[in-house]
Amino acid sequence: MQLHNQSDRFLLKLIIAVAALIGAVAVSSCLGSSSVAPASVLKYIAGARDGLTDTEILIIGKIRFPRVITAALVGGALACVGCIMQGLFKNPMADPSILGISSGSALGAAIAIVTGLNAMIIGEGFTGSYIGAILGALVTWAAVFFIAKGSGEYDTTSTLLAGIAISSIMSALITVMMTLHMENMERVYLWMLGTFSSATVVKTKVLAVVVLVFVPLLIMAAPRIDVLKLGREAALSLGVRQSRTLGFTFCVSSVLLAFCVANSGIIGFVGLIIPHIVSFFRVYRMRQKMILCFFTGAVFMVLCDTVAKTIVAPGEMAIGAITSLIGAPYFLWLLIRSRIKAEKRGVKA
């Protein structure tokens, strides 16, 4: 009976999260540098486009919808990766950047920008920086993977150390490139702060395929993360191999991060704070938590992007700045709360 009640409560929370996402997408589709009436958005969705002007069709179909859907997909994917990182490393402060993939992707995009390859367009909207970001992320993942497995045993400690080292190297190389190519520094810096302004229909479709394939793979692997929390020996006795589970989840997470960073640049704190927000709703099982993280992260990112494109309209604020303004204070609050708890445990002891 208790298990049935827990399932009902989770289903209710999931329905609320999905409804919130639909509402956020609807509101964001209407707002921007030029507002679109809600009725026009509903007509476009319903396929009744005869009553819409060519300008409205262009704005909704080619600009607003790709951008909003990209924001939702990126937010959901980053939240899921953050959730899995916190579970694997058993650290509430872990986030997607812990693997160093974001820095590697940023370096790849920076190389494309300073060498002029960004002007190269492959297909519809696939710029050189997009391809460079994907390649940079994959190269970084390969470096972290082989360094972490150099001892013959793939574990969280070696992965963490390798990720920190590679991330520092990539960040240093970005700084060197920006210093040597001052004329392109602003473009690299703005890309690193994050934006969804470059979203196109084709890029959104590609991202949707990647997210809809790889996020379910992480969700399927989630119960193994719950088992790993019991300890390595206990997990092995239950048939869960730590090395294999870590290799699989890190590989899937790296692909997701590669495409997220390529589509939006570096956006921090989403993968850090969303799992904690979901924990407030008393969802602790990894599979259920990841599902709610996806929809909650999607809502959060869509709302942040709505603020980014309206607060200084017709200009646009960097999405990374908004998420940092929200996430950094929350991060500090987590540190203060953990210290207070540690002090209380010390007093009780």
Protein backbone atom coordinates (compact mmCIF):
# COMPACT_ATOMS: atom_id res chain seq x y z
CA MET A 1 0.00 0.00 0.00
CA GLN A 2 2.83 2.37 0.88
CA LEU A 3 4.61 1.59 -2.40
CA HIS A 4 1.38 2.31 -4.28
CA ASN A 5 1.04 5.68 -2.52
CA GLN A 6 4.64 6.56 -3.39
CA SER A 7 3.99 5.77 -7.06
CA ASP A 8 0.85 7.91 -7.02
CA ARG A 9 2.74 10.83 -5.46
CA PHE A 10 5.52 10.54 -8.01
CA LEU A 11 3.01 10.45 -10.85
CA LEU A 12 1.35 13.59 -9.49
CA LYS A 13 4.70 15.38 -9.26
CA LEU A 14 5.53 14.30 -12.80
CA ILE A 15 2.20 15.59 -14.13
CA ILE A 16 2.79 18.94 -12.41
CA ALA A 17 6.30 19.18 -13.89
CA VAL A 18 5.07 18.37 -17.41
CA ALA A 19 2.23 20.90 -17.08
CA ALA A 20 4.72 23.53 -15.88
CA LEU A 21 6.94 22.83 -18.88
CA ILE A 22 4.04 23.19 -21.33
CA GLY A 23 3.08 26.49 -19.67
CA ALA A 24 6.67 27.78 -19.73
CA VAL A 25 7.08 26.87 -23.41
CA ALA A 26 3.79 28.58 -24.29
CA VAL A 27 4.71 31.78 -22.45
CA SER A 28 8.27 31.87 -23.82
CA SER A 29 7.01 31.38 -27.38
CA CYS A 30 4.99 34.59 -27.08
CA LEU A 31 7.72 36.76 -25.60
CA GLY A 32 10.85 38.24 -27.14
CA SER A 33 12.08 41.36 -28.90
CA SER A 34 8.75 41.35 -30.77
CA SER A 35 5.75 39.91 -28.93
CA VAL A 36 3.45 37.36 -30.53
CA ALA A 37 -0.16 36.96 -29.45
CA PRO A 38 -0.95 33.68 -27.61
CA ALA A 39 -3.76 33.06 -30.09
CA SER A 40 -1.25 33.12 -32.96
CA VAL A 41 0.94 30.54 -31.20
CA LEU A 42 -2.09 28.29 -30.64
CA LYS A 43 -3.12 28.63 -34.29
CA TYR A 44 0.39 27.68 -35.41
CA ILE A 45 0.41 24.61 -33.17
CA ALA A 46 -3.07 23.59 -34.34
CA GLY A 47 -2.00 23.93 -37.97
CA ALA A 48 -4.46 26.75 -38.71
CA ARG A 49 -1.85 28.98 -40.30
CA ASP A 50 -4.07 30.59 -42.91
CA GLY A 51 -5.00 33.31 -40.43
CA LEU A 52 -1.36 34.08 -39.64
CA THR A 53 0.88 36.57 -41.38
CA ASP A 54 4.13 35.48 -43.02
CA THR A 55 6.02 37.36 -40.31
CA GLU A 56 4.22 35.49 -37.53
CA ILE A 57 4.88 32.13 -39.20
CA LEU A 58 8.56 33.01 -39.57
CA ILE A 59 8.94 34.21 -35.97
CA ILE A 60 7.08 31.29 -34.40
CA GLY A 61 8.26 28.45 -36.62
CA LYS A 62 11.82 29.45 -37.47
CA ILE A 63 12.90 31.44 -34.42
CA ARG A 64 10.75 30.97 -31.28
CA PHE A 65 9.97 27.24 -31.36
CA PRO A 66 13.52 26.07 -32.20
CA ARG A 67 14.92 28.31 -29.48
CA VAL A 68 12.41 27.30 -26.80
CA ILE A 69 12.68 23.59 -27.58
CA THR A 70 16.49 23.80 -27.61
CA ALA A 71 16.43 25.53 -24.22
CA ALA A 72 14.14 22.84 -22.80
CA LEU A 73 16.27 19.99 -24.17
CA VAL A 74 19.54 21.50 -22.96
CA GLY A 75 18.11 22.26 -19.51
CA GLY A 76 16.71 18.77 -19.13
CA ALA A 77 19.90 17.07 -20.32
CA LEU A 78 22.17 19.18 -18.07
CA ALA A 79 19.94 18.45 -15.07
CA CYS A 80 20.04 14.71 -15.76
CA VAL A 81 23.82 14.69 -16.14
CA GLY A 82 24.17 16.71 -12.94
CA CYS A 83 21.93 14.23 -11.13
CA ILE A 84 23.97 11.27 -12.33
CA MET A 85 27.26 12.98 -11.40
CA GLN A 86 26.09 13.68 -7.86
CA GLY A 87 24.99 10.08 -7.51
CA LEU A 88 28.18 8.57 -8.91
CA PHE A 89 30.58 10.77 -6.96
CA LYS A 90 28.36 10.76 -3.83
CA ASN A 91 28.91 14.50 -3.69
CA PRO A 92 26.04 17.04 -3.64
CA MET A 93 28.41 19.66 -5.09
CA ALA A 94 29.18 17.68 -8.27
CA ASP A 95 27.92 19.02 -11.61
CA PRO A 96 28.41 18.28 -15.35
CA SER A 97 31.62 20.34 -15.56
CA ILE A 98 33.36 17.80 -13.33
CA LEU A 99 34.27 15.73 -16.41
CA GLY A 100 36.00 18.64 -18.15
CA ILE A 101 33.83 18.14 -21.25
CA SER A 102 32.49 21.70 -21.17
CA SER A 103 35.99 23.18 -21.20
CA GLY A 104 37.05 20.90 -24.04
CA SER A 105 33.99 21.81 -26.06
CA ALA A 106 34.63 25.51 -25.44
CA LEU A 107 38.21 25.11 -26.62
CA GLY A 108 37.05 23.44 -29.82
CA ALA A 109 34.63 26.28 -30.52
CA ALA A 110 37.27 28.89 -29.66
CA ILE A 111 39.71 27.33 -32.14
CA ALA A 112 37.05 27.48 -34.85
CA ILE A 113 36.34 31.13 -34.08
CA VAL A 114 39.93 32.39 -34.01
CA THR A 115 40.95 30.44 -37.12
CA GLY A 116 37.98 31.73 -39.12
CA LEU A 117 36.38 28.29 -39.50
CA ASN A 118 33.29 29.62 -37.74
CA ALA A 119 32.32 31.33 -40.99
CA MET A 120 32.05 27.91 -42.61
CA ILE A 121 28.45 26.72 -42.66
CA ILE A 122 27.67 23.05 -43.18
CA GLY A 123 24.03 22.40 -43.97
CA GLU A 124 21.46 24.60 -42.23
CA GLY A 125 23.08 26.43 -39.35
CA PHE A 126 25.91 24.01 -38.61
CA THR A 127 28.75 26.48 -38.19
CA GLY A 128 32.41 25.75 -37.66
CA SER A 129 32.09 26.55 -33.95
CA TYR A 130 29.33 23.94 -33.65
CA ILE A 131 31.48 21.23 -35.23
CA GLY A 132 34.52 22.40 -33.26
CA ALA A 133 32.60 22.16 -29.99
CA ILE A 134 31.54 18.58 -30.74
CA LEU A 135 35.08 17.53 -31.69
CA GLY A 136 36.59 19.30 -28.68
CA ALA A 137 34.21 17.53 -26.32
CA LEU A 138 34.93 14.12 -27.84
CA VAL A 139 38.71 14.65 -27.68
CA THR A 140 38.42 15.71 -24.03
CA TRP A 141 36.29 12.69 -23.18
CA ALA A 142 38.83 10.37 -24.82
CA ALA A 143 41.68 11.99 -22.85
CA VAL A 144 39.82 11.73 -19.52
CA PHE A 145 38.78 8.14 -20.25
CA PHE A 146 42.24 6.86 -21.12
CA ILE A 147 43.96 8.72 -18.28
CA ALA A 148 41.37 7.48 -15.77
CA LYS A 149 41.76 3.92 -17.02
CA GLY A 150 45.55 4.09 -17.14
CA SER A 151 45.82 2.20 -13.84
CA GLY A 152 43.64 -0.56 -15.23
CA GLU A 153 40.69 0.23 -12.94
CA TYR A 154 38.09 2.81 -13.91
CA ASP A 155 36.84 4.51 -10.73
CA THR A 156 35.40 7.80 -9.55
CA THR A 157 38.61 9.08 -7.98
CA SER A 158 40.75 8.68 -11.10
CA THR A 159 37.97 10.12 -13.25
CA LEU A 160 37.57 13.13 -10.98
CA LEU A 161 41.30 13.88 -10.94
CA ALA A 162 41.62 13.39 -14.69
CA GLY A 163 38.61 15.62 -15.34
CA ILE A 164 39.96 18.41 -13.13
CA ALA A 165 43.40 18.26 -14.75
CA ILE A 166 42.11 18.20 -18.34
CA SER A 167 39.60 20.97 -17.59
CA SER A 168 42.38 23.19 -16.19
CA ILE A 169 44.52 22.59 -19.27
CA MET A 170 41.64 23.37 -21.64
CA SER A 171 40.73 26.54 -19.74
CA ALA A 172 44.35 27.68 -19.82
CA LEU A 173 44.54 27.10 -23.57
CA ILE A 174 41.34 29.13 -24.08
CA THR A 175 42.88 32.01 -22.09
CA VAL A 176 46.06 31.85 -24.17
CA MET A 177 44.08 31.86 -27.42
CA MET A 178 41.97 34.82 -26.31
CA THR A 179 45.11 36.72 -25.33
CA LEU A 180 46.84 36.03 -28.65
CA HIS A 181 43.73 36.84 -30.70
CA MET A 182 42.31 39.93 -29.02
CA GLU A 183 40.20 40.77 -32.07
CA ASN A 184 38.16 37.60 -31.53
CA MET A 185 38.15 37.69 -27.73
CA GLU A 186 34.67 39.21 -27.46
CA ARG A 187 33.11 36.59 -29.74
CA VAL A 188 34.72 33.73 -27.81
CA TYR A 189 33.75 35.22 -24.47
CA LEU A 190 30.13 35.79 -25.49
CA TRP A 191 29.87 32.23 -26.83
CA MET A 192 31.24 30.86 -23.55
CA LEU A 193 28.61 32.76 -21.55
CA GLY A 194 25.87 30.81 -23.31
CA THR A 195 23.02 31.71 -25.66
CA PHE A 196 20.23 30.03 -27.59
CA SER A 197 20.07 32.70 -30.28
CA SER A 198 21.77 30.44 -32.85
CA ALA A 199 19.11 27.71 -32.62
CA THR A 200 17.76 26.50 -35.96
CA VAL A 201 15.17 23.92 -36.93
CA VAL A 202 17.75 21.39 -38.13
CA LYS A 203 20.06 21.82 -35.13
CA THR A 204 17.07 21.46 -32.80
CA LYS A 205 16.03 18.23 -34.52
CA VAL A 206 19.56 16.82 -34.17
CA LEU A 207 19.68 17.79 -30.50
CA ALA A 208 16.24 16.28 -29.93
CA VAL A 209 17.36 12.95 -31.39
CA VAL A 210 20.51 12.92 -29.24
CA VAL A 211 18.64 13.82 -26.05
CA LEU A 212 15.74 11.44 -26.66
CA VAL A 213 18.18 8.57 -27.23
CA PHE A 214 20.84 9.19 -24.58
CA VAL A 215 18.74 10.52 -21.67
CA PRO A 216 16.66 7.29 -21.57
CA LEU A 217 19.93 5.34 -21.54
CA LEU A 218 20.97 7.21 -18.39
CA ILE A 219 17.54 6.64 -16.85
CA MET A 220 17.83 2.92 -17.60
CA ALA A 221 21.21 2.84 -15.84
CA ALA A 222 19.92 4.80 -12.83
CA PRO A 223 19.10 1.76 -10.61
CA ARG A 224 22.75 0.70 -10.86
CA ILE A 225 23.74 4.05 -9.35
CA ASP A 226 21.48 3.31 -6.37
CA VAL A 227 23.26 -0.02 -5.95
CA LEU A 228 26.72 1.59 -6.18
CA LYS A 229 25.81 3.82 -3.24
CA LEU A 230 25.88 0.71 -1.08
CA GLY A 231 29.61 0.35 -1.67
CA ARG A 232 31.77 -1.36 -4.23
CA GLU A 233 31.81 -4.80 -2.59
CA ALA A 234 28.08 -4.81 -1.93
CA ALA A 235 27.39 -3.71 -5.51
CA LEU A 236 29.61 -6.46 -6.88
CA SER A 237 27.76 -9.05 -4.81
CA LEU A 238 24.53 -7.82 -6.41
CA GLY A 239 25.98 -8.18 -9.90
CA VAL A 240 26.78 -4.50 -10.55
CA ARG A 241 30.35 -3.82 -11.71
CA GLN A 242 31.51 -0.34 -10.80
CA SER A 243 34.01 0.04 -13.64
CA ARG A 244 31.53 -0.96 -16.34
CA THR A 245 28.77 1.23 -14.92
CA LEU A 246 31.06 4.25 -14.63
CA GLY A 247 32.39 3.81 -18.16
CA PHE A 248 28.91 3.58 -19.63
CA THR A 249 27.38 6.51 -17.74
CA PHE A 250 30.37 8.79 -18.31
CA CYS A 251 30.39 8.00 -22.02
CA VAL A 252 26.66 8.73 -22.41
CA SER A 253 26.95 11.88 -20.28
CA SER A 254 29.86 13.13 -22.37
CA VAL A 255 27.90 12.82 -25.63
CA LEU A 256 24.98 14.71 -24.09
CA LEU A 257 27.27 17.46 -22.81
CA ALA A 258 29.01 17.74 -26.17
CA PHE A 259 25.79 18.51 -28.01
CA CYS A 260 24.43 20.74 -25.25
CA VAL A 261 27.54 22.93 -25.21
CA ALA A 262 27.66 23.00 -29.02
CA ASN A 263 24.08 24.31 -29.14
CA SER A 264 24.20 26.79 -26.29
CA GLY A 265 27.75 27.40 -25.09
CA ILE A 266 28.70 26.88 -21.44
CA ILE A 267 25.78 27.22 -19.03
CA GLY A 268 26.69 26.64 -15.40
CA PHE A 269 24.85 25.67 -12.23
CA VAL A 270 21.86 23.99 -13.91
CA GLY A 271 23.19 20.50 -13.26
CA LEU A 272 24.10 21.54 -9.72
CA ILE A 273 20.90 23.07 -8.39
CA ILE A 274 18.13 21.17 -10.18
CA PRO A 275 18.83 17.79 -8.48
CA HIS A 276 18.67 19.57 -5.11
CA ILE A 277 15.39 21.24 -6.03
CA VAL A 278 13.96 17.83 -6.96
CA SER A 279 15.22 16.42 -3.64
CA PHE A 280 13.08 19.00 -1.83
CA PHE A 281 10.06 17.17 -3.26
CA ARG A 282 11.31 14.02 -1.49
CA VAL A 283 12.25 12.09 -4.60
CA TYR A 284 15.32 10.02 -3.82
CA ARG A 285 15.30 6.98 -6.11
CA MET A 286 17.71 7.72 -8.91
CA ARG A 287 15.40 6.73 -11.77
CA GLN A 288 12.46 8.80 -10.53
CA LYS A 289 14.77 11.65 -9.58
CA MET A 290 16.32 11.78 -13.05
CA ILE A 291 12.92 11.84 -14.76
CA LEU A 292 11.79 14.76 -12.61
CA CYS A 293 15.18 16.44 -13.05
CA PHE A 294 14.72 16.40 -16.81
CA PHE A 295 11.38 18.21 -16.76
CA THR A 296 12.35 20.54 -13.90
CA GLY A 297 15.60 21.45 -15.64
CA ALA A 298 13.69 22.08 -18.87
CA VAL A 299 11.28 24.44 -17.08
CA PHE A 300 14.15 26.25 -15.35
CA MET A 301 16.10 26.77 -18.58
CA VAL A 302 13.07 27.95 -20.57
CA LEU A 303 12.24 30.50 -17.86
CA CYS A 304 15.86 31.70 -17.69
CA ASP A 305 15.97 32.06 -21.47
CA THR A 306 12.70 33.99 -21.40
CA VAL A 307 14.28 36.45 -18.99
CA ALA A 308 17.46 36.61 -21.09
CA LYS A 309 15.66 37.59 -24.28
CA THR A 310 13.16 40.04 -22.75
CA ILE A 311 14.89 41.88 -19.91
CA VAL A 312 17.09 43.97 -22.24
CA ALA A 313 15.04 43.62 -25.46
CA PRO A 314 15.73 44.13 -28.31
CA GLY A 315 19.15 43.09 -27.00
CA GLU A 316 19.86 39.84 -25.21
CA MET A 317 21.51 38.91 -21.93
CA ALA A 318 23.82 35.89 -21.67
CA ILE A 319 21.91 32.90 -20.35
CA GLY A 320 24.95 31.79 -18.36
CA ALA A 321 24.91 35.04 -16.40
CA ILE A 322 21.30 34.48 -15.35
CA THR A 323 21.82 30.87 -14.27
CA SER A 324 24.95 31.93 -12.35
CA LEU A 325 23.07 34.71 -10.54
CA ILE A 326 20.57 32.10 -9.40
CA GLY A 327 22.90 29.14 -8.92
CA ALA A 328 25.89 30.78 -7.21
CA PRO A 329 23.92 32.03 -4.16
CA TYR A 330 22.27 28.62 -3.94
CA PHE A 331 25.70 26.98 -4.06
CA LEU A 332 26.89 29.19 -1.19
CA TRP A 333 23.76 28.33 0.77
CA LEU A 334 24.52 24.62 0.32
CA LEU A 335 28.04 25.16 1.65
CA ILE A 336 26.78 27.09 4.68
CA ARG A 337 24.08 24.51 5.41
CA SER A 338 26.54 21.59 5.15
CA ARG A 339 28.93 23.37 7.54
CA ILE A 340 26.14 24.03 10.04
CA LYS A 341 25.11 20.37 9.91
CA ALA A 342 28.73 19.27 10.38
CA GLU A 343 29.09 21.54 13.42
CA LYS A 344 25.87 20.19 14.94
CA ARG A 345 27.08 16.62 14.46
CA GLY A 346 30.35 17.61 16.13
CA VAL A 347 28.51 19.07 19.12
CA LYS A 348 26.34 15.98 19.46
CA ALA A 349 29.39 13.77 19.28
